[in-house]
PDB file of N, CA and C in Angstrom:
ATOM      1  N   MET A   1       0.845  -1.180   0.000  1.00  0.00           N
ATOM      2  CA  MET A   1       0.000   0.000   0.000  1.00  0.00           C
ATOM      3  C   MET A   1       0.893   1.247   0.000  1.00  0.00           C
ATOM      4  N   PRO A   2       0.652   2.204  -0.881  1.00  0.00           N
ATOM      5  CA  PRO A   2       1.504   3.402  -0.931  1.00  0.00           C
ATOM      6  C   PRO A   2       1.298   4.290   0.298  1.00  0.00           C
ATOM      7  N   ASN A   3       2.321   5.074   0.598  1.00  0.00           N
ATOM      8  CA  ASN A   3       2.229   6.010   1.717  1.00  0.00           C
ATOM      9  C   ASN A   3       1.236   7.117   1.394  1.00  0.00           C
ATOM     10  N   PRO A   4       0.531   7.633   2.410  1.00  0.00           N
ATOM     11  CA  PRO A   4      -0.288   8.816   2.179  1.00  0.00           C
ATOM     12  C   PRO A   4       0.618  10.004   1.854  1.00  0.00           C
ATOM     13  N   SER A   5       0.081  10.961   1.140  1.00  0.00           N
ATOM     14  CA  SER A   5       0.823  12.180   0.789  1.00  0.00           C
ATOM     15  C   SER A   5       0.421  13.313   1.713  1.00  0.00           C
ATOM     16  N   TRP A   6       1.359  14.227   1.915  1.00  0.00           N
ATOM     17  CA  TRP A   6       1.090  15.422   2.710  1.00  0.00           C
ATOM     18  C   TRP A   6      -0.035  16.201   2.030  1.00  0.00           C
ATOM     19  N   PRO A   7      -1.085  16.574   2.752  1.00  0.00           N
ATOM     20  CA  PRO A   7      -2.230  17.260   2.136  1.00  0.00           C
ATOM     21  C   PRO A   7      -1.876  18.652   1.589  1.00  0.00           C
ATOM     22  N   VAL A   8      -2.414  18.968   0.424  1.00  0.00           N
ATOM     23  CA  VAL A   8      -2.158  20.272  -0.194  1.00  0.00           C
ATOM     24  C   VAL A   8      -2.819  21.402   0.581  1.00  0.00           C
ATOM     25  N   ALA A   9      -3.832  21.096   1.394  1.00  0.00           N
ATOM     26  CA  ALA A   9      -4.517  22.122   2.178  1.00  0.00           C
ATOM     27  C   ALA A   9      -3.709  22.569   3.394  1.00  0.00           C
ATOM     28  N   LEU A  10      -2.626  21.846   3.694  1.00  0.00           N
ATOM     29  CA  LEU A  10      -1.786  22.199   4.840  1.00  0.00           C
ATOM     30  C   LEU A  10      -0.588  23.013   4.380  1.00  0.00           C
ATOM     31  N   PRO A  11       0.076  23.728   5.314  1.00  0.00           N
ATOM     32  CA  PRO A  11       1.276  24.478   4.933  1.00  0.00           C
ATOM     33  C   PRO A  11       2.287  23.567   4.250  1.00  0.00           C
ATOM     34  N   GLN A  12       2.938  24.078   3.232  1.00  0.00           N
ATOM     35  CA  GLN A  12       3.905  23.284   2.474  1.00  0.00           C
ATOM     36  C   GLN A  12       5.341  23.539   2.914  1.00  0.00           C
ATOM     37  N   PHE A  13       5.521  24.462   3.862  1.00  0.00           N
ATOM     38  CA  PHE A  13       6.848  24.809   4.358  1.00  0.00           C
ATOM     39  C   PHE A  13       6.788  25.000   5.859  1.00  0.00           C
ATOM     40  N   PHE A  14       7.895  24.711   6.523  1.00  0.00           N
ATOM     41  CA  PHE A  14       8.023  25.001   7.940  1.00  0.00           C
ATOM     42  C   PHE A  14       8.247  26.491   8.131  1.00  0.00           C
ATOM     43  N   ASP A  15       7.846  27.002   9.276  1.00  0.00           N
ATOM     44  CA  ASP A  15       8.163  28.368   9.656  1.00  0.00           C
ATOM     45  C   ASP A  15       9.682  28.462   9.822  1.00  0.00           C
ATOM     46  N   ARG A  16      10.281  29.542   9.379  1.00  0.00           N
ATOM     47  CA  ARG A  16      11.751  29.668   9.459  1.00  0.00           C
ATOM     48  C   ARG A  16      12.256  29.671  10.894  1.00  0.00           C
ATOM     49  N   ASP A  17      11.492  30.289  11.786  1.00  0.00           N
ATOM     50  CA  ASP A  17      11.904  30.340  13.192  1.00  0.00           C
ATOM     51  C   ASP A  17      11.793  28.956  13.811  1.00  0.00           C
ATOM     52  N   GLY A  18      12.863  28.477  14.370  1.00  0.00           N
ATOM     53  CA  GLY A  18      12.854  27.211  15.076  1.00  0.00           C
ATOM     54  C   GLY A  18      13.078  25.982  14.215  1.00  0.00           C
ATOM     55  N   PHE A  19      13.347  26.158  12.905  1.00  0.00           N
ATOM     56  CA  PHE A  19      13.582  24.991  12.049  1.00  0.00           C
ATOM     57  C   PHE A  19      14.975  24.436  12.312  1.00  0.00           C
ATOM     58  N   GLU A  20      15.052  23.123  12.539  1.00  0.00           N
ATOM     59  CA  GLU A  20      16.333  22.455  12.773  1.00  0.00           C
ATOM     60  C   GLU A  20      16.393  21.182  11.943  1.00  0.00           C
ATOM     61  N   ARG A  21      17.582  20.883  11.446  1.00  0.00           N
ATOM     62  CA  ARG A  21      17.809  19.641  10.706  1.00  0.00           C
ATOM     63  C   ARG A  21      19.117  19.047  11.196  1.00  0.00           C
ATOM     64  N   ALA A  22      19.081  17.779  11.583  1.00  0.00           N
ATOM     65  CA  ALA A  22      20.284  17.098  12.064  1.00  0.00           C
ATOM     66  C   ALA A  22      20.573  15.921  11.142  1.00  0.00           C
ATOM     67  N   PRO A  23      21.791  15.814  10.657  1.00  0.00           N
ATOM     68  CA  PRO A  23      22.119  14.674   9.795  1.00  0.00           C
ATOM     69  C   PRO A  23      22.004  13.362  10.556  1.00  0.00           C
ATOM     70  N   ALA A  24      21.912  12.290   9.809  1.00  0.00           N
ATOM     71  CA  ALA A  24      21.818  10.961  10.412  1.00  0.00           C
ATOM     72  C   ALA A  24      23.016  10.712  11.322  1.00  0.00           C
ATOM     73  N   ASP A  25      22.761  10.104  12.458  1.00  0.00           N
ATOM     74  CA  ASP A  25      23.831   9.759  13.385  1.00  0.00           C
ATOM     75  C   ASP A  25      24.494   8.482  12.870  1.00  0.00           C
ATOM     76  N   GLU A  26      25.684   8.625  12.346  1.00  0.00           N
ATOM     77  CA  GLU A  26      26.387   7.488  11.746  1.00  0.00           C
ATOM     78  C   GLU A  26      27.619   7.085  12.539  1.00  0.00           C
ATOM     79  N   ILE A  27      27.607   7.379  13.829  1.00  0.00           N
ATOM     80  CA  ILE A  27      28.743   7.033  14.681  1.00  0.00           C
ATOM     81  C   ILE A  27      28.332   5.925  15.640  1.00  0.00           C
ATOM     82  N   ASP A  28      29.067   4.834  15.612  1.00  0.00           N
ATOM     83  CA  ASP A  28      28.891   3.756  16.587  1.00  0.00           C
ATOM     84  C   ASP A  28      29.952   3.930  17.665  1.00  0.00           C
ATOM     85  N   ARG A  29      29.534   3.898  18.923  1.00  0.00           N
ATOM     86  CA  ARG A  29      30.456   4.001  20.052  1.00  0.00           C
ATOM     87  C   ARG A  29      30.457   2.673  20.796  1.00  0.00           C
ATOM     88  N   THR A  30      31.634   2.200  21.098  1.00  0.00           N
ATOM     89  CA  THR A  30      31.783   0.956  21.843  1.00  0.00           C
ATOM     90  C   THR A  30      32.593   1.246  23.099  1.00  0.00           C
ATOM     91  N   PRO A  31      31.979   1.025  24.286  1.00  0.00           N
ATOM     92  CA  PRO A  31      32.742   1.256  25.519  1.00  0.00           C
ATOM     93  C   PRO A  31      33.875   0.235  25.655  1.00  0.00           C
ATOM     94  N   MET A  32      34.964   0.692  26.197  1.00  0.00           N
ATOM     95  CA  MET A  32      36.134  -0.149  26.424  1.00  0.00           C
ATOM     96  C   MET A  32      36.266  -0.433  27.926  1.00  0.00           C
ATOM     97  N   ASP A  33      36.967  -1.520  28.267  1.00  0.00           N
ATOM     98  CA  ASP A  33      37.202  -1.826  29.681  1.00  0.00           C
ATOM     99  C   ASP A  33      38.033  -0.731  30.341  1.00  0.00           C
ATOM    100  N   ALA A  34      38.935  -0.147  29.562  1.00  0.00           N
ATOM    101  CA  ALA A  34      39.766   0.944  30.068  1.00  0.00           C
ATOM    102  C   ALA A  34      39.950   1.962  28.949  1.00  0.00           C
ATOM    103  N   GLY A  35      39.999   3.227  29.321  1.00  0.00           N
ATOM    104  CA  GLY A  35      40.221   4.272  28.332  1.00  0.00           C
ATOM    105  C   GLY A  35      38.926   4.738  27.662  1.00  0.00           C
ATOM    106  N   PRO A  36      39.098   5.640  26.715  1.00  0.00           N
ATOM    107  CA  PRO A  36      37.915   6.208  26.059  1.00  0.00           C
ATOM    108  C   PRO A  36      37.212   5.188  25.159  1.00  0.00           C
ATOM    109  N   ALA A  37      35.950   5.447  24.894  1.00  0.00           N
ATOM    110  CA  ALA A  37      35.172   4.571  24.008  1.00  0.00           C
ATOM    111  C   ALA A  37      35.763   4.603  22.609  1.00  0.00           C
ATOM    112  N   LYS A  38      35.633   3.500  21.912  1.00  0.00           N
ATOM    113  CA  LYS A  38      36.070   3.410  20.517  1.00  0.00           C
ATOM    114  C   LYS A  38      34.927   3.925  19.648  1.00  0.00           C
ATOM    115  N   GLN A  39      35.265   4.687  18.640  1.00  0.00           N
ATOM    116  CA  GLN A  39      34.255   5.223  17.723  1.00  0.00           C
ATOM    117  C   GLN A  39      34.583   4.821  16.302  1.00  0.00           C
ATOM    118  N   ARG A  40      33.520   4.546  15.545  1.00  0.00           N
ATOM    119  CA  ARG A  40      33.699   4.306  14.114  1.00  0.00           C
ATOM    120  C   ARG A  40      32.428   4.738  13.412  1.00  0.00           C
ATOM    121  N   ARG A  41      32.598   5.066  12.166  1.00  0.00           N
ATOM    122  CA  ARG A  41      31.453   5.454  11.360  1.00  0.00           C
ATOM    123  C   ARG A  41      30.771   4.200  10.825  1.00  0.00           C
ATOM    124  N   ASN A  42      29.454   4.179  10.929  1.00  0.00           N
ATOM    125  CA  ASN A  42      28.733   3.054  10.347  1.00  0.00           C
ATOM    126  C   ASN A  42      28.220   3.469   8.964  1.00  0.00           C
ATOM    127  N   ALA A  43      27.857   2.508   8.187  1.00  0.00           N
ATOM    128  CA  ALA A  43      27.421   2.781   6.815  1.00  0.00           C
ATOM    129  C   ALA A  43      25.927   2.570   6.659  1.00  0.00           C
ATOM    130  N   ARG A  44      25.197   2.670   7.736  1.00  0.00           N
ATOM    131  CA  ARG A  44      23.767   2.379   7.670  1.00  0.00           C
ATOM    132  C   ARG A  44      22.951   3.495   7.057  1.00  0.00           C
ATOM    133  N   GLY A  45      23.382   4.733   7.175  1.00  0.00           N
ATOM    134  CA  GLY A  45      22.625   5.850   6.620  1.00  0.00           C
ATOM    135  C   GLY A  45      21.245   5.969   7.236  1.00  0.00           C
ATOM    136  N   GLY A  46      21.178   6.351   8.474  1.00  0.00           N
ATOM    137  CA  GLY A  46      19.912   6.440   9.195  1.00  0.00           C
ATOM    138  C   GLY A  46      19.099   7.668   8.828  1.00  0.00           C
ATOM    139  N   PRO A  47      17.995   7.867   9.514  1.00  0.00           N
ATOM    140  CA  PRO A  47      17.119   9.006   9.223  1.00  0.00           C
ATOM    141  C   PRO A  47      17.714  10.326   9.690  1.00  0.00           C
ATOM    142  N   GLU A  48      17.299  11.405   9.015  1.00  0.00           N
ATOM    143  CA  GLU A  48      17.681  12.765   9.405  1.00  0.00           C
ATOM    144  C   GLU A  48      16.576  13.350  10.264  1.00  0.00           C
ATOM    145  N   ALA A  49      16.945  13.883  11.411  1.00  0.00           N
ATOM    146  CA  ALA A  49      15.966  14.475  12.319  1.00  0.00           C
ATOM    147  C   ALA A  49      15.582  15.871  11.853  1.00  0.00           C
ATOM    148  N   ILE A  50      14.283  16.141  11.890  1.00  0.00           N
ATOM    149  CA  ILE A  50      13.741  17.448  11.520  1.00  0.00           C
ATOM    150  C   ILE A  50      12.878  17.934  12.670  1.00  0.00           C
ATOM    151  N   ARG A  51      13.104  19.158  13.083  1.00  0.00           N
ATOM    152  CA  ARG A  51      12.251  19.787  14.093  1.00  0.00           C
ATOM    153  C   ARG A  51      11.830  21.133  13.524  1.00  0.00           C
ATOM    154  N   GLY A  52      10.538  21.383  13.553  1.00  0.00           N
ATOM    155  CA  GLY A  52      10.067  22.651  13.010  1.00  0.00           C
ATOM    156  C   GLY A  52       8.639  22.949  13.417  1.00  0.00           C
ATOM    157  N   ASN A  53       8.219  24.150  13.063  1.00  0.00           N
ATOM    158  CA  ASN A  53       6.876  24.621  13.367  1.00  0.00           C
ATOM    159  C   ASN A  53       6.107  24.851  12.079  1.00  0.00           C
ATOM    160  N   LEU A  54       4.847  24.479  12.099  1.00  0.00           N
ATOM    161  CA  LEU A  54       3.955  24.751  10.979  1.00  0.00           C
ATOM    162  C   LEU A  54       2.911  25.760  11.448  1.00  0.00           C
ATOM    163  N   TYR A  55       2.786  26.851  10.722  1.00  0.00           N
ATOM    164  CA  TYR A  55       1.841  27.903  11.065  1.00  0.00           C
ATOM    165  C   TYR A  55       0.498  27.566  10.431  1.00  0.00           C
ATOM    166  N   LEU A  56      -0.459  27.164  11.257  1.00  0.00           N
ATOM    167  CA  LEU A  56      -1.791  26.799  10.784  1.00  0.00           C
ATOM    168  C   LEU A  56      -2.661  28.051  10.851  1.00  0.00           C
ATOM    169  N   ARG A  57      -3.051  28.550   9.697  1.00  0.00           N
ATOM    170  CA  ARG A  57      -3.654  29.876   9.577  1.00  0.00           C
ATOM    171  C   ARG A  57      -5.140  29.963   9.885  1.00  0.00           C
ATOM    172  N   SER A  58      -5.783  28.834  10.143  1.00  0.00           N
ATOM    173  CA  SER A  58      -7.216  28.867  10.448  1.00  0.00           C
ATOM    174  C   SER A  58      -7.578  27.654  11.298  1.00  0.00           C
ATOM    175  N   GLU A  59      -8.746  27.715  11.873  1.00  0.00           N
ATOM    176  CA  GLU A  59      -9.254  26.573  12.628  1.00  0.00           C
ATOM    177  C   GLU A  59      -9.423  25.369  11.705  1.00  0.00           C
ATOM    178  N   GLN A  60      -9.810  25.610  10.454  1.00  0.00           N
ATOM    179  CA  GLN A  60      -9.972  24.517   9.493  1.00  0.00           C
ATOM    180  C   GLN A  60      -8.637  23.829   9.216  1.00  0.00           C
ATOM    181  N   GLN A  61      -7.569  24.627   9.031  1.00  0.00           N
ATOM    182  CA  GLN A  61      -6.246  24.013   8.826  1.00  0.00           C
ATOM    183  C   GLN A  61      -5.826  23.216  10.048  1.00  0.00           C
ATOM    184  N   HIS A  62      -6.121  23.738  11.228  1.00  0.00           N
ATOM    185  CA  HIS A  62      -5.789  23.026  12.461  1.00  0.00           C
ATOM    186  C   HIS A  62      -6.518  21.686  12.508  1.00  0.00           C
ATOM    187  N   GLN A  63      -7.803  21.682  12.193  1.00  0.00           N
ATOM    188  CA  GLN A  63      -8.581  20.447  12.190  1.00  0.00           C
ATOM    189  C   GLN A  63      -8.095  19.480  11.111  1.00  0.00           C
ATOM    190  N   ASP A  64      -7.756  20.006   9.925  1.00  0.00           N
ATOM    191  CA  ASP A  64      -7.235  19.166   8.842  1.00  0.00           C
ATOM    192  C   ASP A  64      -5.911  18.517   9.239  1.00  0.00           C
ATOM    193  N   PHE A  65      -5.044  19.298   9.889  1.00  0.00           N
ATOM    194  CA  PHE A  65      -3.751  18.776  10.324  1.00  0.00           C
ATOM    195  C   PHE A  65      -3.952  17.671  11.366  1.00  0.00           C
ATOM    196  N   LYS A  66      -4.800  17.936  12.351  1.00  0.00           N
ATOM    197  CA  LYS A  66      -5.060  16.932  13.380  1.00  0.00           C
ATOM    198  C   LYS A  66      -5.648  15.662  12.776  1.00  0.00           C
ATOM    199  N   ALA A  67      -6.552  15.795  11.818  1.00  0.00           N
ATOM    200  CA  ALA A  67      -7.146  14.619  11.171  1.00  0.00           C
ATOM    201  C   ALA A  67      -6.091  13.828  10.404  1.00  0.00           C
ATOM    202  N   PHE A  68      -5.182  14.531   9.721  1.00  0.00           N
ATOM    203  CA  PHE A  68      -4.121  13.855   8.988  1.00  0.00           C
ATOM    204  C   PHE A  68      -3.240  13.054   9.936  1.00  0.00           C
ATOM    205  N   VAL A  69      -2.815  13.682  11.028  1.00  0.00           N
ATOM    206  CA  VAL A  69      -1.913  13.023  11.980  1.00  0.00           C
ATOM    207  C   VAL A  69      -2.623  11.901  12.739  1.00  0.00           C
ATOM    208  N   GLU A  70      -3.805  12.194  13.256  1.00  0.00           N
ATOM    209  CA  GLU A  70      -4.477  11.238  14.135  1.00  0.00           C
ATOM    210  C   GLU A  70      -5.195  10.116  13.382  1.00  0.00           C
ATOM    211  N   THR A  71      -5.750  10.428  12.207  1.00  0.00           N
ATOM    212  CA  THR A  71      -6.528   9.420  11.487  1.00  0.00           C
ATOM    213  C   THR A  71      -5.734   8.818  10.336  1.00  0.00           C
ATOM    214  N   THR A  72      -5.315   9.662   9.394  1.00  0.00           N
ATOM    215  CA  THR A  72      -4.611   9.148   8.213  1.00  0.00           C
ATOM    216  C   THR A  72      -3.311   8.460   8.599  1.00  0.00           C
ATOM    217  N   LEU A  73      -2.570   9.056   9.533  1.00  0.00           N
ATOM    218  CA  LEU A  73      -1.288   8.483   9.951  1.00  0.00           C
ATOM    219  C   LEU A  73      -1.411   7.616  11.206  1.00  0.00           C
ATOM    220  N   ASP A  74      -2.620   7.268  11.563  1.00  0.00           N
ATOM    221  CA  ASP A  74      -2.867   6.365  12.694  1.00  0.00           C
ATOM    222  C   ASP A  74      -2.122   6.811  13.950  1.00  0.00           C
ATOM    223  N   GLY A  75      -2.406   8.035  14.365  1.00  0.00           N
ATOM    224  CA  GLY A  75      -1.769   8.552  15.582  1.00  0.00           C
ATOM    225  C   GLY A  75      -0.293   8.821  15.409  1.00  0.00           C
ATOM    226  N   ALA A  76       0.097   9.295  14.220  1.00  0.00           N
ATOM    227  CA  ALA A  76       1.485   9.663  13.888  1.00  0.00           C
ATOM    228  C   ALA A  76       2.411   8.460  13.806  1.00  0.00           C
ATOM    229  N   THR A  77       1.873   7.264  13.568  1.00  0.00           N
ATOM    230  CA  THR A  77       2.720   6.068  13.513  1.00  0.00           C
ATOM    231  C   THR A  77       3.098   5.650  12.096  1.00  0.00           C
ATOM    232  N   LEU A  78       2.400   6.153  11.085  1.00  0.00           N
ATOM    233  CA  LEU A  78       2.670   5.730   9.712  1.00  0.00           C
ATOM    234  C   LEU A  78       3.576   6.719   8.984  1.00  0.00           C
ATOM    235  N   GLU A  79       4.258   6.229   7.964  1.00  0.00           N
ATOM    236  CA  GLU A  79       5.093   7.076   7.109  1.00  0.00           C
ATOM    237  C   GLU A  79       4.215   7.810   6.107  1.00  0.00           C
ATOM    238  N   PHE A  80       4.732   8.921   5.585  1.00  0.00           N
ATOM    239  CA  PHE A  80       4.014   9.679   4.565  1.00  0.00           C
ATOM    240  C   PHE A  80       5.013  10.299   3.603  1.00  0.00           C
ATOM    241  N   ASP A  81       4.524  10.703   2.451  1.00  0.00           N
ATOM    242  CA  ASP A  81       5.366  11.315   1.425  1.00  0.00           C
ATOM    243  C   ASP A  81       5.175  12.822   1.439  1.00  0.00           C
ATOM    244  N   TRP A  82       6.301  13.516   1.374  1.00  0.00           N
ATOM    245  CA  TRP A  82       6.300  14.982   1.330  1.00  0.00           C
ATOM    246  C   TRP A  82       7.572  15.385   0.621  1.00  0.00           C
ATOM    247  N   VAL A  83       7.841  16.662   0.519  1.00  0.00           N
ATOM    248  CA  VAL A  83       9.016  17.171  -0.178  1.00  0.00           C
ATOM    249  C   VAL A  83      10.082  17.558   0.840  1.00  0.00           C
ATOM    250  N   ASP A  84      11.331  17.231   0.547  1.00  0.00           N
ATOM    251  CA  ASP A  84      12.459  17.653   1.378  1.00  0.00           C
ATOM    252  C   ASP A  84      12.546  19.179   1.293  1.00  0.00           C
ATOM    253  N   PRO A  85      12.538  19.900   2.423  1.00  0.00           N
ATOM    254  CA  PRO A  85      12.530  21.362   2.373  1.00  0.00           C
ATOM    255  C   PRO A  85      13.798  21.985   1.790  1.00  0.00           C
ATOM    256  N   ASP A  86      14.900  21.258   1.802  1.00  0.00           N
ATOM    257  CA  ASP A  86      16.151  21.804   1.273  1.00  0.00           C
ATOM    258  C   ASP A  86      16.361  21.478  -0.201  1.00  0.00           C
ATOM    259  N   THR A  87      16.057  20.245  -0.593  1.00  0.00           N
ATOM    260  CA  THR A  87      16.330  19.828  -1.974  1.00  0.00           C
ATOM    261  C   THR A  87      15.112  19.907  -2.879  1.00  0.00           C
ATOM    262  N   GLN A  88      13.938  20.025  -2.298  1.00  0.00           N
ATOM    263  CA  GLN A  88      12.662  20.023  -3.033  1.00  0.00           C
ATOM    264  C   GLN A  88      12.413  18.696  -3.753  1.00  0.00           C
ATOM    265  N   GLU A  89      13.081  17.634  -3.328  1.00  0.00           N
ATOM    266  CA  GLU A  89      12.868  16.303  -3.896  1.00  0.00           C
ATOM    267  C   GLU A  89      11.893  15.529  -3.021  1.00  0.00           C
ATOM    268  N   ALA A  90      11.202  14.566  -3.627  1.00  0.00           N
ATOM    269  CA  ALA A  90      10.270  13.723  -2.882  1.00  0.00           C
ATOM    270  C   ALA A  90      11.023  12.958  -1.794  1.00  0.00           C
ATOM    271  N   ALA A  91      10.381  12.817  -0.643  1.00  0.00           N
ATOM    272  CA  ALA A  91      11.009  12.120   0.482  1.00  0.00           C
ATOM    273  C   ALA A  91       9.932  11.405   1.291  1.00  0.00           C
ATOM    274  N   THR A  92      10.367  10.395   2.035  1.00  0.00           N
ATOM    275  CA  THR A  92       9.484   9.678   2.948  1.00  0.00           C
ATOM    276  C   THR A  92       9.761  10.180   4.357  1.00  0.00           C
ATOM    277  N   TRP A  93       8.695  10.551   5.046  1.00  0.00           N
ATOM    278  CA  TRP A  93       8.769  11.152   6.371  1.00  0.00           C
ATOM    279  C   TRP A  93       8.014  10.300   7.375  1.00  0.00           C
ATOM    280  N   ARG A  94       8.274  10.585   8.661  1.00  0.00           N
ATOM    281  CA  ARG A  94       7.415  10.102   9.737  1.00  0.00           C
ATOM    282  C   ARG A  94       7.607  10.999  10.953  1.00  0.00           C
ATOM    283  N   PHE A  95       6.578  11.076  11.768  1.00  0.00           N
ATOM    284  CA  PHE A  95       6.669  11.807  13.034  1.00  0.00           C
ATOM    285  C   PHE A  95       7.405  10.930  14.031  1.00  0.00           C
ATOM    286  N   THR A  96       8.192  11.549  14.911  1.00  0.00           N
ATOM    287  CA  THR A  96       8.854  10.803  15.970  1.00  0.00           C
ATOM    288  C   THR A  96       8.104  10.942  17.291  1.00  0.00           C
ATOM    289  N   ARG A  97       7.164  11.848  17.330  1.00  0.00           N
ATOM    290  CA  ARG A  97       6.240  11.998  18.466  1.00  0.00           C
ATOM    291  C   ARG A  97       5.050  12.826  17.988  1.00  0.00           C
ATOM    292  N   MET A  98       3.999  12.800  18.743  1.00  0.00           N
ATOM    293  CA  MET A  98       2.811  13.574  18.388  1.00  0.00           C
ATOM    294  C   MET A  98       3.137  15.066  18.438  1.00  0.00           C
ATOM    295  N   PRO A  99       2.610  15.840  17.486  1.00  0.00           N
ATOM    296  CA  PRO A  99       2.833  17.291  17.524  1.00  0.00           C
ATOM    297  C   PRO A  99       2.157  17.919  18.743  1.00  0.00           C
ATOM    298  N   THR A 100       2.685  19.055  19.140  1.00  0.00           N
ATOM    299  CA  THR A 100       2.051  19.868  20.181  1.00  0.00           C
ATOM    300  C   THR A 100       1.642  21.182  19.526  1.00  0.00           C
ATOM    301  N   TYR A 101       0.758  21.928  20.179  1.00  0.00           N
ATOM    302  CA  TYR A 101       0.186  23.121  19.565  1.00  0.00           C
ATOM    303  C   TYR A 101       0.258  24.315  20.508  1.00  0.00           C
ATOM    304  N   THR A 102       0.476  25.478  19.912  1.00  0.00           N
ATOM    305  CA  THR A 102       0.376  26.741  20.626  1.00  0.00           C
ATOM    306  C   THR A 102      -0.678  27.562  19.910  1.00  0.00           C
ATOM    307  N   LYS A 103      -1.661  28.046  20.650  1.00  0.00           N
ATOM    308  CA  LYS A 103      -2.701  28.869  20.046  1.00  0.00           C
ATOM    309  C   LYS A 103      -2.248  30.326  20.072  1.00  0.00           C
ATOM    310  N   ILE A 104      -2.350  30.978  18.907  1.00  0.00           N
ATOM    311  CA  ILE A 104      -1.970  32.385  18.765  1.00  0.00           C
ATOM    312  C   ILE A 104      -3.180  33.102  18.182  1.00  0.00           C
ATOM    313  N   GLY A 105      -3.979  33.714  19.042  1.00  0.00           N
ATOM    314  CA  GLY A 105      -5.224  34.331  18.579  1.00  0.00           C
ATOM    315  C   GLY A 105      -6.148  33.254  18.042  1.00  0.00           C
ATOM    316  N   GLN A 106      -6.540  33.378  16.776  1.00  0.00           N
ATOM    317  CA  GLN A 106      -7.405  32.384  16.133  1.00  0.00           C
ATOM    318  C   GLN A 106      -6.602  31.374  15.323  1.00  0.00           C
ATOM    319  N   ARG A 107      -5.293  31.394  15.447  1.00  0.00           N
ATOM    320  CA  ARG A 107      -4.422  30.515  14.662  1.00  0.00           C
ATOM    321  C   ARG A 107      -3.642  29.602  15.598  1.00  0.00           C
ATOM    322  N   TYR A 108      -2.925  28.650  14.991  1.00  0.00           N
ATOM    323  CA  TYR A 108      -2.153  27.676  15.769  1.00  0.00           C
ATOM    324  C   TYR A 108      -0.757  27.520  15.192  1.00  0.00           C
ATOM    325  N   LEU A 109       0.171  27.228  16.060  1.00  0.00           N
ATOM    326  CA  LEU A 109       1.515  26.837  15.672  1.00  0.00           C
ATOM    327  C   LEU A 109       1.667  25.378  16.081  1.00  0.00           C
ATOM    328  N   ALA A 110       1.904  24.506  15.097  1.00  0.00           N
ATOM    329  CA  ALA A 110       2.096  23.082  15.385  1.00  0.00           C
ATOM    330  C   ALA A 110       3.595  22.825  15.485  1.00  0.00           C
ATOM    331  N   HIS A 111       4.041  22.313  16.621  1.00  0.00           N
ATOM    332  CA  HIS A 111       5.447  22.009  16.867  1.00  0.00           C
ATOM    333  C   HIS A 111       5.663  20.541  16.515  1.00  0.00           C
ATOM    334  N   CYS A 112       6.527  20.276  15.521  1.00  0.00           N
ATOM    335  CA  CYS A 112       6.666  18.928  14.963  1.00  0.00           C
ATOM    336  C   CYS A 112       8.081  18.391  15.096  1.00  0.00           C
ATOM    337  N   ASP A 113       8.172  17.156  15.545  1.00  0.00           N
ATOM    338  CA  ASP A 113       9.420  16.395  15.534  1.00  0.00           C
ATOM    339  C   ASP A 113       9.227  15.258  14.529  1.00  0.00           C
ATOM    340  N   MET A 114      10.023  15.282  13.465  1.00  0.00           N
ATOM    341  CA  MET A 114       9.877  14.310  12.381  1.00  0.00           C
ATOM    342  C   MET A 114      11.240  13.801  11.982  1.00  0.00           C
ATOM    343  N   GLU A 115      11.224  12.868  11.045  1.00  0.00           N
ATOM    344  CA  GLU A 115      12.478  12.440  10.434  1.00  0.00           C
ATOM    345  C   GLU A 115      12.227  12.100   8.973  1.00  0.00           C
ATOM    346  N   ILE A 116      13.273  12.341   8.171  1.00  0.00           N
ATOM    347  CA  ILE A 116      13.256  11.949   6.781  1.00  0.00           C
ATOM    348  C   ILE A 116      14.001  10.623   6.689  1.00  0.00           C
ATOM    349  N   LEU A 117      13.333   9.631   6.132  1.00  0.00           N
ATOM    350  CA  LEU A 117      13.905   8.297   6.081  1.00  0.00           C
ATOM    351  C   LEU A 117      14.812   8.131   4.863  1.00  0.00           C
ATOM    352  N   PRO A 118      15.850   7.290   4.997  1.00  0.00           N
ATOM    353  CA  PRO A 118      16.765   7.099   3.866  1.00  0.00           C
ATOM    354  C   PRO A 118      16.106   6.323   2.721  1.00  0.00           C
TER     355      PRO A 118
END
C-alpha cells in the first residue's frame, strides 16, 4: 500500500523560526574496559531528524492537520510522502512523536518532531 501524501490544504513549508535539521547519526560508540570509548562510522545511513513549526492559519487548517496526523497516519505512527525542504525532492517522512500546539489568537503553531527516512 503506498504512503499517504502530505495534504495540499496544509502548509507546504516550515516556519523559518525554530527549524532544525540534524544529519543521520552514523557514529557507533563501543565502551572499552579501560580508556575512552572506541568510535567508528557506520554505513547504515539512518534518518535525518527534523524539528520545526507549521503555522496553521485557520481553525480549518488546524482540524485538517489533526485529522491527517491522528486518522490518516494512525496517531502519527505511519510514514508519509512529502518534499524535502532543502532539496525540493520527494522524500518519505514520519513523526517521531505527536505534535504539540500553541494557540496564537485564532491561529495555531504546530510544533513537529519528524524524520526523513533514507
